[in-house]
Amino acid sequence: MIGNMSMGVSQKHKRAELAYWVGQPFWGQGFATEAARRIIQFGFEDLDLNRIFAAAMTKNPGSYKIMRKIGMKEEGTFPQHVLKWGVYEDLVFYGMVKSDYLREGLLS
């Protein structure tokens, strides 16, 4: 398995949180970027979402570089937002709204 990718969708608010994991042997090969582009396309074009966002630990630049590559913009950092293996970690959030997706012509 290369990894996995999902969107937690809120139909009420027409938004979703993008989440992914990629196995270390597959880092840097473009798999996550390609999959993220397609799931963003699916979210905006097929599910008619208005907003898609994602978060990564600040110490994981590979993850938030993917967010940048697919056109998401940095929205802010939440200090000590998650507890992982007994340590509080900061999360950086990125997001995109449908109007930006359409204006940039990111996939369509």
PDB file of N, CA and C in Angstrom:
ATOM      1  N   MET A   1       0.840  -1.174   0.000  1.00  0.00           N
ATOM      2  CA  MET A   1       0.000   0.000   0.000  1.00  0.00           C
ATOM      3  C   MET A   1       0.890   1.244   0.000  1.00  0.00           C
ATOM      4  N   ILE A   2       0.590   2.179  -0.868  1.00  0.00           N
ATOM      5  CA  ILE A   2       1.339   3.430  -0.955  1.00  0.00           C
ATOM      6  C   ILE A   2       0.944   4.359   0.187  1.00  0.00           C
ATOM      7  N   GLY A   3      -0.346   4.453   0.468  1.00  0.00           N
ATOM      8  CA  GLY A   3      -0.865   5.330   1.513  1.00  0.00           C
ATOM      9  C   GLY A   3      -2.368   5.404   1.418  1.00  0.00           C
ATOM     10  N   ASN A   4      -2.950   6.422   2.033  1.00  0.00           N
ATOM     11  CA  ASN A   4      -4.391   6.623   1.914  1.00  0.00           C
ATOM     12  C   ASN A   4      -4.718   8.105   1.950  1.00  0.00           C
ATOM     13  N   MET A   5      -5.906   8.432   1.469  1.00  0.00           N
ATOM     14  CA  MET A   5      -6.359   9.811   1.407  1.00  0.00           C
ATOM     15  C   MET A   5      -7.861   9.808   1.593  1.00  0.00           C
ATOM     16  N   SER A   6      -8.360  10.805   2.337  1.00  0.00           N
ATOM     17  CA  SER A   6      -9.800  10.877   2.572  1.00  0.00           C
ATOM     18  C   SER A   6     -10.228  12.327   2.748  1.00  0.00           C
ATOM     19  N   MET A   7     -11.539  12.521   2.673  1.00  0.00           N
ATOM     20  CA  MET A   7     -12.138  13.810   2.996  1.00  0.00           C
ATOM     21  C   MET A   7     -13.261  13.557   3.992  1.00  0.00           C
ATOM     22  N   GLY A   8     -13.208  14.264   5.108  1.00  0.00           N
ATOM     23  CA  GLY A   8     -14.313  14.250   6.058  1.00  0.00           C
ATOM     24  C   GLY A   8     -15.260  15.363   5.656  1.00  0.00           C
ATOM     25  N   VAL A   9     -16.425  15.003   5.134  1.00  0.00           N
ATOM     26  CA  VAL A   9     -17.347  15.970   4.532  1.00  0.00           C
ATOM     27  C   VAL A   9     -18.426  16.394   5.514  1.00  0.00           C
ATOM     28  N   SER A  10     -18.679  17.699   5.557  1.00  0.00           N
ATOM     29  CA  SER A  10     -19.827  18.270   6.260  1.00  0.00           C
ATOM     30  C   SER A  10     -20.783  18.794   5.197  1.00  0.00           C
ATOM     31  N   GLN A  11     -21.837  18.024   4.919  1.00  0.00           N
ATOM     32  CA  GLN A  11     -22.807  18.450   3.906  1.00  0.00           C
ATOM     33  C   GLN A  11     -23.500  19.746   4.322  1.00  0.00           C
ATOM     34  N   LYS A  12     -23.785  19.870   5.609  1.00  0.00           N
ATOM     35  CA  LYS A  12     -24.476  21.069   6.103  1.00  0.00           C
ATOM     36  C   LYS A  12     -23.716  22.338   5.741  1.00  0.00           C
ATOM     37  N   HIS A  13     -22.399  22.306   5.890  1.00  0.00           N
ATOM     38  CA  HIS A  13     -21.573  23.495   5.656  1.00  0.00           C
ATOM     39  C   HIS A  13     -20.879  23.468   4.295  1.00  0.00           C
ATOM     40  N   LYS A  14     -21.082  22.386   3.529  1.00  0.00           N
ATOM     41  CA  LYS A  14     -20.492  22.237   2.199  1.00  0.00           C
ATOM     42  C   LYS A  14     -18.971  22.423   2.237  1.00  0.00           C
ATOM     43  N   ARG A  15     -18.359  21.730   3.198  1.00  0.00           N
ATOM     44  CA  ARG A  15     -16.906  21.786   3.347  1.00  0.00           C
ATOM     45  C   ARG A  15     -16.387  20.399   3.690  1.00  0.00           C
ATOM     46  N   ALA A  16     -15.080  20.243   3.548  1.00  0.00           N
ATOM     47  CA  ALA A  16     -14.454  18.960   3.878  1.00  0.00           C
ATOM     48  C   ALA A  16     -13.038  19.189   4.366  1.00  0.00           C
ATOM     49  N   GLU A  17     -12.586  18.280   5.222  1.00  0.00           N
ATOM     50  CA  GLU A  17     -11.189  18.263   5.647  1.00  0.00           C
ATOM     51  C   GLU A  17     -10.475  17.149   4.893  1.00  0.00           C
ATOM     52  N   LEU A  18      -9.434  17.517   4.193  1.00  0.00           N
ATOM     53  CA  LEU A  18      -8.595  16.574   3.466  1.00  0.00           C
ATOM     54  C   LEU A  18      -7.561  16.007   4.439  1.00  0.00           C
ATOM     55  N   ALA A  19      -7.379  14.693   4.408  1.00  0.00           N
ATOM     56  CA  ALA A  19      -6.380  14.040   5.258  1.00  0.00           C
ATOM     57  C   ALA A  19      -5.678  12.969   4.439  1.00  0.00           C
ATOM     58  N   TYR A  20      -4.394  12.765   4.712  1.00  0.00           N
ATOM     59  CA  TYR A  20      -3.651  11.749   3.975  1.00  0.00           C
ATOM     60  C   TYR A  20      -2.462  11.259   4.765  1.00  0.00           C
ATOM     61  N   TRP A  21      -2.021  10.081   4.351  1.00  0.00           N
ATOM     62  CA  TRP A  21      -0.820   9.457   4.886  1.00  0.00           C
ATOM     63  C   TRP A  21      -0.135   8.737   3.728  1.00  0.00           C
ATOM     64  N   VAL A  22       1.173   8.862   3.645  1.00  0.00           N
ATOM     65  CA  VAL A  22       1.945   8.186   2.597  1.00  0.00           C
ATOM     66  C   VAL A  22       3.093   7.437   3.271  1.00  0.00           C
ATOM     67  N   GLY A  23       3.272   6.185   2.887  1.00  0.00           N
ATOM     68  CA  GLY A  23       4.369   5.389   3.427  1.00  0.00           C
ATOM     69  C   GLY A  23       5.717   5.966   3.017  1.00  0.00           C
ATOM     70  N   GLN A  24       6.645   5.940   3.929  1.00  0.00           N
ATOM     71  CA  GLN A  24       7.953   6.569   3.707  1.00  0.00           C
ATOM     72  C   GLN A  24       8.661   6.115   2.426  1.00  0.00           C
ATOM     73  N   PRO A  25       8.571   4.841   2.012  1.00  0.00           N
ATOM     74  CA  PRO A  25       9.256   4.465   0.764  1.00  0.00           C
ATOM     75  C   PRO A  25       8.739   5.206  -0.471  1.00  0.00           C
ATOM     76  N   PHE A  26       7.562   5.837  -0.345  1.00  0.00           N
ATOM     77  CA  PHE A  26       6.937   6.497  -1.494  1.00  0.00           C
ATOM     78  C   PHE A  26       6.985   8.026  -1.421  1.00  0.00           C
ATOM     79  N   TRP A  27       7.658   8.563  -0.406  1.00  0.00           N
ATOM     80  CA  TRP A  27       7.773  10.013  -0.271  1.00  0.00           C
ATOM     81  C   TRP A  27       8.524  10.589  -1.471  1.00  0.00           C
ATOM     82  N   GLY A  28       8.131  11.807  -1.861  1.00  0.00           N
ATOM     83  CA  GLY A  28       8.858  12.538  -2.895  1.00  0.00           C
ATOM     84  C   GLY A  28       8.659  12.038  -4.312  1.00  0.00           C
ATOM     85  N   GLN A  29       7.676  11.169  -4.544  1.00  0.00           N
ATOM     86  CA  GLN A  29       7.448  10.630  -5.874  1.00  0.00           C
ATOM     87  C   GLN A  29       6.198  11.195  -6.543  1.00  0.00           C
ATOM     88  N   GLY A  30       5.516  12.125  -5.862  1.00  0.00           N
ATOM     89  CA  GLY A  30       4.367  12.791  -6.462  1.00  0.00           C
ATOM     90  C   GLY A  30       3.031  12.088  -6.286  1.00  0.00           C
ATOM     91  N   PHE A  31       3.018  10.933  -5.628  1.00  0.00           N
ATOM     92  CA  PHE A  31       1.756  10.200  -5.458  1.00  0.00           C
ATOM     93  C   PHE A  31       0.725  11.001  -4.668  1.00  0.00           C
ATOM     94  N   ALA A  32       1.148  11.583  -3.551  1.00  0.00           N
ATOM     95  CA  ALA A  32       0.206  12.327  -2.711  1.00  0.00           C
ATOM     96  C   ALA A  32      -0.293  13.580  -3.419  1.00  0.00           C
ATOM     97  N   THR A  33       0.567  14.270  -4.117  1.00  0.00           N
ATOM     98  CA  THR A  33       0.150  15.471  -4.839  1.00  0.00           C
ATOM     99  C   THR A  33      -0.870  15.129  -5.916  1.00  0.00           C
ATOM    100  N   GLU A  34      -0.614  14.076  -6.670  1.00  0.00           N
ATOM    101  CA  GLU A  34      -1.552  13.662  -7.714  1.00  0.00           C
ATOM    102  C   GLU A  34      -2.895  13.264  -7.114  1.00  0.00           C
ATOM    103  N   ALA A  35      -2.885  12.471  -6.061  1.00  0.00           N
ATOM    104  CA  ALA A  35      -4.129  12.041  -5.425  1.00  0.00           C
ATOM    105  C   ALA A  35      -4.874  13.222  -4.811  1.00  0.00           C
ATOM    106  N   ALA A  36      -4.141  14.142  -4.179  1.00  0.00           N
ATOM    107  CA  ALA A  36      -4.786  15.314  -3.578  1.00  0.00           C
ATOM    108  C   ALA A  36      -5.446  16.189  -4.639  1.00  0.00           C
ATOM    109  N   ARG A  37      -4.803  16.364  -5.772  1.00  0.00           N
ATOM    110  CA  ARG A  37      -5.413  17.146  -6.860  1.00  0.00           C
ATOM    111  C   ARG A  37      -6.732  16.526  -7.302  1.00  0.00           C
ATOM    112  N   ARG A  38      -6.748  15.216  -7.417  1.00  0.00           N
ATOM    113  CA  ARG A  38      -7.970  14.543  -7.876  1.00  0.00           C
ATOM    114  C   ARG A  38      -9.070  14.592  -6.823  1.00  0.00           C
ATOM    115  N   ILE A  39      -8.730  14.460  -5.564  1.00  0.00           N
ATOM    116  CA  ILE A  39      -9.762  14.483  -4.534  1.00  0.00           C
ATOM    117  C   ILE A  39     -10.309  15.900  -4.354  1.00  0.00           C
ATOM    118  N   ILE A  40      -9.472  16.913  -4.544  1.00  0.00           N
ATOM    119  CA  ILE A  40      -9.940  18.300  -4.521  1.00  0.00           C
ATOM    120  C   ILE A  40     -10.907  18.528  -5.687  1.00  0.00           C
ATOM    121  N   GLN A  41     -10.543  18.035  -6.857  1.00  0.00           N
ATOM    122  CA  GLN A  41     -11.417  18.136  -8.031  1.00  0.00           C
ATOM    123  C   GLN A  41     -12.761  17.463  -7.734  1.00  0.00           C
ATOM    124  N   PHE A  42     -12.733  16.265  -7.205  1.00  0.00           N
ATOM    125  CA  PHE A  42     -13.951  15.543  -6.859  1.00  0.00           C
ATOM    126  C   PHE A  42     -14.799  16.337  -5.860  1.00  0.00           C
ATOM    127  N   GLY A  43     -14.148  16.908  -4.854  1.00  0.00           N
ATOM    128  CA  GLY A  43     -14.869  17.675  -3.841  1.00  0.00           C
ATOM    129  C   GLY A  43     -15.587  18.889  -4.402  1.00  0.00           C
ATOM    130  N   PHE A  44     -14.891  19.657  -5.220  1.00  0.00           N
ATOM    131  CA  PHE A  44     -15.500  20.874  -5.768  1.00  0.00           C
ATOM    132  C   PHE A  44     -16.451  20.590  -6.928  1.00  0.00           C
ATOM    133  N   GLU A  45     -16.069  19.680  -7.816  1.00  0.00           N
ATOM    134  CA  GLU A  45     -16.852  19.482  -9.038  1.00  0.00           C
ATOM    135  C   GLU A  45     -17.986  18.463  -8.883  1.00  0.00           C
ATOM    136  N   ASP A  46     -17.770  17.403  -8.126  1.00  0.00           N
ATOM    137  CA  ASP A  46     -18.799  16.373  -7.996  1.00  0.00           C
ATOM    138  C   ASP A  46     -19.630  16.517  -6.725  1.00  0.00           C
ATOM    139  N   LEU A  47     -18.984  16.848  -5.615  1.00  0.00           N
ATOM    140  CA  LEU A  47     -19.719  17.004  -4.355  1.00  0.00           C
ATOM    141  C   LEU A  47     -20.243  18.422  -4.149  1.00  0.00           C
ATOM    142  N   ASP A  48     -19.840  19.353  -5.014  1.00  0.00           N
ATOM    143  CA  ASP A  48     -20.259  20.748  -4.942  1.00  0.00           C
ATOM    144  C   ASP A  48     -19.932  21.395  -3.593  1.00  0.00           C
ATOM    145  N   LEU A  49     -18.743  21.077  -3.067  1.00  0.00           N
ATOM    146  CA  LEU A  49     -18.294  21.692  -1.823  1.00  0.00           C
ATOM    147  C   LEU A  49     -17.900  23.139  -2.076  1.00  0.00           C
ATOM    148  N   ASN A  50     -17.953  23.947  -1.033  1.00  0.00           N
ATOM    149  CA  ASN A  50     -17.521  25.336  -1.128  1.00  0.00           C
ATOM    150  C   ASN A  50     -16.118  25.536  -0.569  1.00  0.00           C
ATOM    151  N   ARG A  51     -15.684  24.657   0.351  1.00  0.00           N
ATOM    152  CA  ARG A  51     -14.395  24.840   1.008  1.00  0.00           C
ATOM    153  C   ARG A  51     -13.782  23.486   1.323  1.00  0.00           C
ATOM    154  N   ILE A  52     -12.469  23.393   1.105  1.00  0.00           N
ATOM    155  CA  ILE A  52     -11.707  22.214   1.501  1.00  0.00           C
ATOM    156  C   ILE A  52     -10.470  22.699   2.242  1.00  0.00           C
ATOM    157  N   PHE A  53     -10.193  22.076   3.382  1.00  0.00           N
ATOM    158  CA  PHE A  53      -9.037  22.479   4.177  1.00  0.00           C
ATOM    159  C   PHE A  53      -8.274  21.246   4.631  1.00  0.00           C
ATOM    160  N   ALA A  54      -7.058  21.473   5.109  1.00  0.00           N
ATOM    161  CA  ALA A  54      -6.208  20.392   5.605  1.00  0.00           C
ATOM    162  C   ALA A  54      -5.262  20.956   6.646  1.00  0.00           C
ATOM    163  N   ALA A  55      -4.726  20.081   7.465  1.00  0.00           N
ATOM    164  CA  ALA A  55      -3.778  20.496   8.500  1.00  0.00           C
ATOM    165  C   ALA A  55      -2.609  19.520   8.535  1.00  0.00           C
ATOM    166  N   ALA A  56      -1.463  20.032   8.964  1.00  0.00           N
ATOM    167  CA  ALA A  56      -0.275  19.194   9.147  1.00  0.00           C
ATOM    168  C   ALA A  56       0.511  19.713  10.329  1.00  0.00           C
ATOM    169  N   MET A  57       1.246  18.815  10.961  1.00  0.00           N
ATOM    170  CA  MET A  57       2.131  19.280  12.031  1.00  0.00           C
ATOM    171  C   MET A  57       3.198  20.184  11.423  1.00  0.00           C
ATOM    172  N   THR A  58       3.526  21.237  12.130  1.00  0.00           N
ATOM    173  CA  THR A  58       4.509  22.190  11.608  1.00  0.00           C
ATOM    174  C   THR A  58       5.868  21.537  11.375  1.00  0.00           C
ATOM    175  N   LYS A  59       6.147  20.449  12.064  1.00  0.00           N
ATOM    176  CA  LYS A  59       7.431  19.765  11.868  1.00  0.00           C
ATOM    177  C   LYS A  59       7.404  18.798  10.677  1.00  0.00           C
ATOM    178  N   ASN A  60       6.306  18.831   9.886  1.00  0.00           N
ATOM    179  CA  ASN A  60       6.177  17.952   8.728  1.00  0.00           C
ATOM    180  C   ASN A  60       6.012  18.775   7.449  1.00  0.00           C
ATOM    181  N   PRO A  61       7.067  19.446   7.004  1.00  0.00           N
ATOM    182  CA  PRO A  61       6.948  20.308   5.831  1.00  0.00           C
ATOM    183  C   PRO A  61       6.576  19.568   4.555  1.00  0.00           C
ATOM    184  N   GLY A  62       6.918  18.302   4.444  1.00  0.00           N
ATOM    185  CA  GLY A  62       6.535  17.542   3.255  1.00  0.00           C
ATOM    186  C   GLY A  62       5.033  17.505   3.077  1.00  0.00           C
ATOM    187  N   SER A  63       4.316  17.424   4.187  1.00  0.00           N
ATOM    188  CA  SER A  63       2.858  17.367   4.118  1.00  0.00           C
ATOM    189  C   SER A  63       2.260  18.695   3.676  1.00  0.00           C
ATOM    190  N   TYR A  64       2.704  19.786   4.280  1.00  0.00           N
ATOM    191  CA  TYR A  64       2.087  21.048   3.871  1.00  0.00           C
ATOM    192  C   TYR A  64       2.626  21.575   2.544  1.00  0.00           C
ATOM    193  N   LYS A  65       3.748  21.045   2.062  1.00  0.00           N
ATOM    194  CA  LYS A  65       4.182  21.383   0.699  1.00  0.00           C
ATOM    195  C   LYS A  65       3.198  20.832  -0.327  1.00  0.00           C
ATOM    196  N   ILE A  66       2.620  19.683  -0.043  1.00  0.00           N
ATOM    197  CA  ILE A  66       1.591  19.117  -0.926  1.00  0.00           C
ATOM    198  C   ILE A  66       0.407  20.072  -0.998  1.00  0.00           C
ATOM    199  N   MET A  67       0.001  20.594   0.146  1.00  0.00           N
ATOM    200  CA  MET A  67      -1.127  21.530   0.188  1.00  0.00           C
ATOM    201  C   MET A  67      -0.847  22.751  -0.679  1.00  0.00           C
ATOM    202  N   ARG A  68       0.363  23.253  -0.607  1.00  0.00           N
ATOM    203  CA  ARG A  68       0.736  24.407  -1.438  1.00  0.00           C
ATOM    204  C   ARG A  68       0.707  24.045  -2.923  1.00  0.00           C
ATOM    205  N   LYS A  69       1.225  22.876  -3.260  1.00  0.00           N
ATOM    206  CA  LYS A  69       1.291  22.454  -4.663  1.00  0.00           C
ATOM    207  C   LYS A  69      -0.085  22.343  -5.294  1.00  0.00           C
ATOM    208  N   ILE A  70      -1.099  22.005  -4.510  1.00  0.00           N
ATOM    209  CA  ILE A  70      -2.445  21.849  -5.069  1.00  0.00           C
ATOM    210  C   ILE A  70      -3.247  23.146  -5.002  1.00  0.00           C
ATOM    211  N   GLY A  71      -2.599  24.235  -4.582  1.00  0.00           N
ATOM    212  CA  GLY A  71      -3.247  25.540  -4.620  1.00  0.00           C
ATOM    213  C   GLY A  71      -3.848  26.025  -3.327  1.00  0.00           C
ATOM    214  N   MET A  72      -3.686  25.282  -2.244  1.00  0.00           N
ATOM    215  CA  MET A  72      -4.206  25.744  -0.957  1.00  0.00           C
ATOM    216  C   MET A  72      -3.331  26.870  -0.425  1.00  0.00           C
ATOM    217  N   LYS A  73      -3.949  27.737   0.361  1.00  0.00           N
ATOM    218  CA  LYS A  73      -3.244  28.866   0.966  1.00  0.00           C
ATOM    219  C   LYS A  73      -3.147  28.656   2.469  1.00  0.00           C
ATOM    220  N   GLU A  74      -2.034  29.087   3.039  1.00  0.00           N
ATOM    221  CA  GLU A  74      -1.857  28.978   4.489  1.00  0.00           C
ATOM    222  C   GLU A  74      -2.868  29.870   5.196  1.00  0.00           C
ATOM    223  N   GLU A  75      -3.509  29.316   6.216  1.00  0.00           N
ATOM    224  CA  GLU A  75      -4.538  30.046   6.950  1.00  0.00           C
ATOM    225  C   GLU A  75      -4.162  30.319   8.403  1.00  0.00           C
ATOM    226  N   GLY A  76      -3.153  29.649   8.910  1.00  0.00           N
ATOM    227  CA  GLY A  76      -2.728  29.919  10.271  1.00  0.00           C
ATOM    228  C   GLY A  76      -2.233  28.682  10.991  1.00  0.00           C
ATOM    229  N   THR A  77      -1.628  28.933  12.134  1.00  0.00           N
ATOM    230  CA  THR A  77      -1.069  27.871  12.962  1.00  0.00           C
ATOM    231  C   THR A  77      -1.806  27.816  14.293  1.00  0.00           C
ATOM    232  N   PHE A  78      -2.155  26.622  14.718  1.00  0.00           N
ATOM    233  CA  PHE A  78      -2.790  26.392  16.008  1.00  0.00           C
ATOM    234  C   PHE A  78      -1.734  25.786  16.934  1.00  0.00           C
ATOM    235  N   PRO A  79      -1.256  26.553  17.909  1.00  0.00           N
ATOM    236  CA  PRO A  79      -0.218  26.049  18.811  1.00  0.00           C
ATOM    237  C   PRO A  79      -0.724  24.887  19.676  1.00  0.00           C
ATOM    238  N   GLN A  80       0.106  23.878  19.828  1.00  0.00           N
ATOM    239  CA  GLN A  80      -0.162  22.733  20.697  1.00  0.00           C
ATOM    240  C   GLN A  80      -1.584  22.198  20.511  1.00  0.00           C
ATOM    241  N   HIS A  81      -1.976  22.008  19.273  1.00  0.00           N
ATOM    242  CA  HIS A  81      -3.355  21.646  18.934  1.00  0.00           C
ATOM    243  C   HIS A  81      -3.652  20.153  19.064  1.00  0.00           C
ATOM    244  N   VAL A  82      -2.634  19.304  18.918  1.00  0.00           N
ATOM    245  CA  VAL A  82      -2.836  17.864  19.048  1.00  0.00           C
ATOM    246  C   VAL A  82      -1.787  17.268  19.979  1.00  0.00           C
ATOM    247  N   LEU A  83      -2.169  16.185  20.620  1.00  0.00           N
ATOM    248  CA  LEU A  83      -1.256  15.444  21.478  1.00  0.00           C
ATOM    249  C   LEU A  83      -0.878  14.168  20.742  1.00  0.00           C
ATOM    250  N   LYS A  84       0.391  14.055  20.354  1.00  0.00           N
ATOM    251  CA  LYS A  84       0.859  12.869  19.631  1.00  0.00           C
ATOM    252  C   LYS A  84       2.031  12.267  20.375  1.00  0.00           C
ATOM    253  N   TRP A  85       1.873  11.016  20.747  1.00  0.00           N
ATOM    254  CA  TRP A  85       2.900  10.279  21.478  1.00  0.00           C
ATOM    255  C   TRP A  85       3.406  11.054  22.700  1.00  0.00           C
ATOM    256  N   GLY A  86       2.472  11.657  23.429  1.00  0.00           N
ATOM    257  CA  GLY A  86       2.792  12.343  24.668  1.00  0.00           C
ATOM    258  C   GLY A  86       3.354  13.745  24.505  1.00  0.00           C
ATOM    259  N   VAL A  87       3.389  14.267  23.275  1.00  0.00           N
ATOM    260  CA  VAL A  87       3.931  15.601  23.016  1.00  0.00           C
ATOM    261  C   VAL A  87       2.870  16.434  22.304  1.00  0.00           C
ATOM    262  N   TYR A  88       2.660  17.664  22.777  1.00  0.00           N
ATOM    263  CA  TYR A  88       1.742  18.576  22.087  1.00  0.00           C
ATOM    264  C   TYR A  88       2.416  19.128  20.839  1.00  0.00           C
ATOM    265  N   GLU A  89       1.710  19.052  19.725  1.00  0.00           N
ATOM    266  CA  GLU A  89       2.261  19.486  18.437  1.00  0.00           C
ATOM    267  C   GLU A  89       1.435  20.638  17.865  1.00  0.00           C
ATOM    268  N   ASP A  90       2.126  21.576  17.214  1.00  0.00           N
ATOM    269  CA  ASP A  90       1.466  22.675  16.513  1.00  0.00           C
ATOM    270  C   ASP A  90       0.975  22.174  15.153  1.00  0.00           C
ATOM    271  N   LEU A  91      -0.196  22.658  14.726  1.00  0.00           N
ATOM    272  CA  LEU A  91      -0.718  22.334  13.402  1.00  0.00           C
ATOM    273  C   LEU A  91      -0.801  23.590  12.560  1.00  0.00           C
ATOM    274  N   VAL A  92      -0.414  23.481  11.306  1.00  0.00           N
ATOM    275  CA  VAL A  92      -0.584  24.566  10.342  1.00  0.00           C
ATOM    276  C   VAL A  92      -1.742  24.161   9.432  1.00  0.00           C
ATOM    277  N   PHE A  93      -2.669  25.090   9.226  1.00  0.00           N
ATOM    278  CA  PHE A  93      -3.850  24.842   8.414  1.00  0.00           C
ATOM    279  C   PHE A  93      -3.722  25.534   7.063  1.00  0.00           C
ATOM    280  N   TYR A  94      -4.176  24.834   6.029  1.00  0.00           N
ATOM    281  CA  TYR A  94      -4.248  25.352   4.668  1.00  0.00           C
ATOM    282  C   TYR A  94      -5.667  25.134   4.174  1.00  0.00           C
ATOM    283  N   GLY A  95      -6.118  25.977   3.246  1.00  0.00           N
ATOM    284  CA  GLY A  95      -7.456  25.795   2.723  1.00  0.00           C
ATOM    285  C   GLY A  95      -7.641  26.439   1.366  1.00  0.00           C
ATOM    286  N   MET A  96      -8.803  26.131   0.787  1.00  0.00           N
ATOM    287  CA  MET A  96      -9.165  26.653  -0.520  1.00  0.00           C
ATOM    288  C   MET A  96     -10.683  26.721  -0.589  1.00  0.00           C
ATOM    289  N   VAL A  97     -11.194  27.777  -1.207  1.00  0.00           N
ATOM    290  CA  VAL A  97     -12.629  27.877  -1.457  1.00  0.00           C
ATOM    291  C   VAL A  97     -12.877  27.676  -2.954  1.00  0.00           C
ATOM    292  N   LYS A  98     -14.105  27.294  -3.264  1.00  0.00           N
ATOM    293  CA  LYS A  98     -14.443  26.936  -4.635  1.00  0.00           C
ATOM    294  C   LYS A  98     -14.193  28.083  -5.617  1.00  0.00           C
ATOM    295  N   SER A  99     -14.477  29.313  -5.209  1.00  0.00           N
ATOM    296  CA  SER A  99     -14.265  30.438  -6.122  1.00  0.00           C
ATOM    297  C   SER A  99     -12.793  30.577  -6.503  1.00  0.00           C
ATOM    298  N   ASP A 100     -11.882  30.315  -5.570  1.00  0.00           N
ATOM    299  CA  ASP A 100     -10.449  30.347  -5.893  1.00  0.00           C
ATOM    300  C   ASP A 100     -10.076  29.193  -6.817  1.00  0.00           C
ATOM    301  N   TYR A 101     -10.627  28.037  -6.555  1.00  0.00           N
ATOM    302  CA  TYR A 101     -10.394  26.868  -7.407  1.00  0.00           C
ATOM    303  C   TYR A 101     -10.814  27.156  -8.846  1.00  0.00           C
ATOM    304  N   LEU A 102     -12.004  27.726  -9.004  1.00  0.00           N
ATOM    305  CA  LEU A 102     -12.498  28.032 -10.342  1.00  0.00           C
ATOM    306  C   LEU A 102     -11.698  29.142 -10.995  1.00  0.00           C
ATOM    307  N   ARG A 103     -11.360  30.183 -10.236  1.00  0.00           N
ATOM    308  CA  ARG A 103     -10.615  31.314 -10.779  1.00  0.00           C
ATOM    309  C   ARG A 103      -9.230  30.891 -11.250  1.00  0.00           C
ATOM    310  N   GLU A 104      -8.587  30.032 -10.474  1.00  0.00           N
ATOM    311  CA  GLU A 104      -7.243  29.585 -10.811  1.00  0.00           C
ATOM    312  C   GLU A 104      -7.251  28.512 -11.897  1.00  0.00           C
ATOM    313  N   GLY A 105      -8.425  27.950 -12.172  1.00  0.00           N
ATOM    314  CA  GLY A 105      -8.495  26.882 -13.170  1.00  0.00           C
ATOM    315  C   GLY A 105      -7.577  25.735 -12.818  1.00  0.00           C
ATOM    316  N   LEU A 106      -7.576  25.363 -11.544  1.00  0.00           N
ATOM    317  CA  LEU A 106      -6.583  24.405 -11.063  1.00  0.00           C
ATOM    318  C   LEU A 106      -6.675  23.028 -11.717  1.00  0.00           C
ATOM    319  N   LEU A 107      -7.868  22.570 -12.040  1.00  0.00           N
ATOM    320  CA  LEU A 107      -7.970  21.250 -12.645  1.00  0.00           C
ATOM    321  C   LEU A 107      -8.912  21.213 -13.834  1.00  0.00           C
ATOM    322  N   SER A 108      -9.905  22.037 -13.843  1.00  0.00           N
ATOM    323  CA  SER A 108     -10.920  21.936 -14.910  1.00  0.00           C
ATOM    324  C   SER A 108     -10.443  22.578 -16.193  1.00  0.00           C
TER     325      SER A 108
END
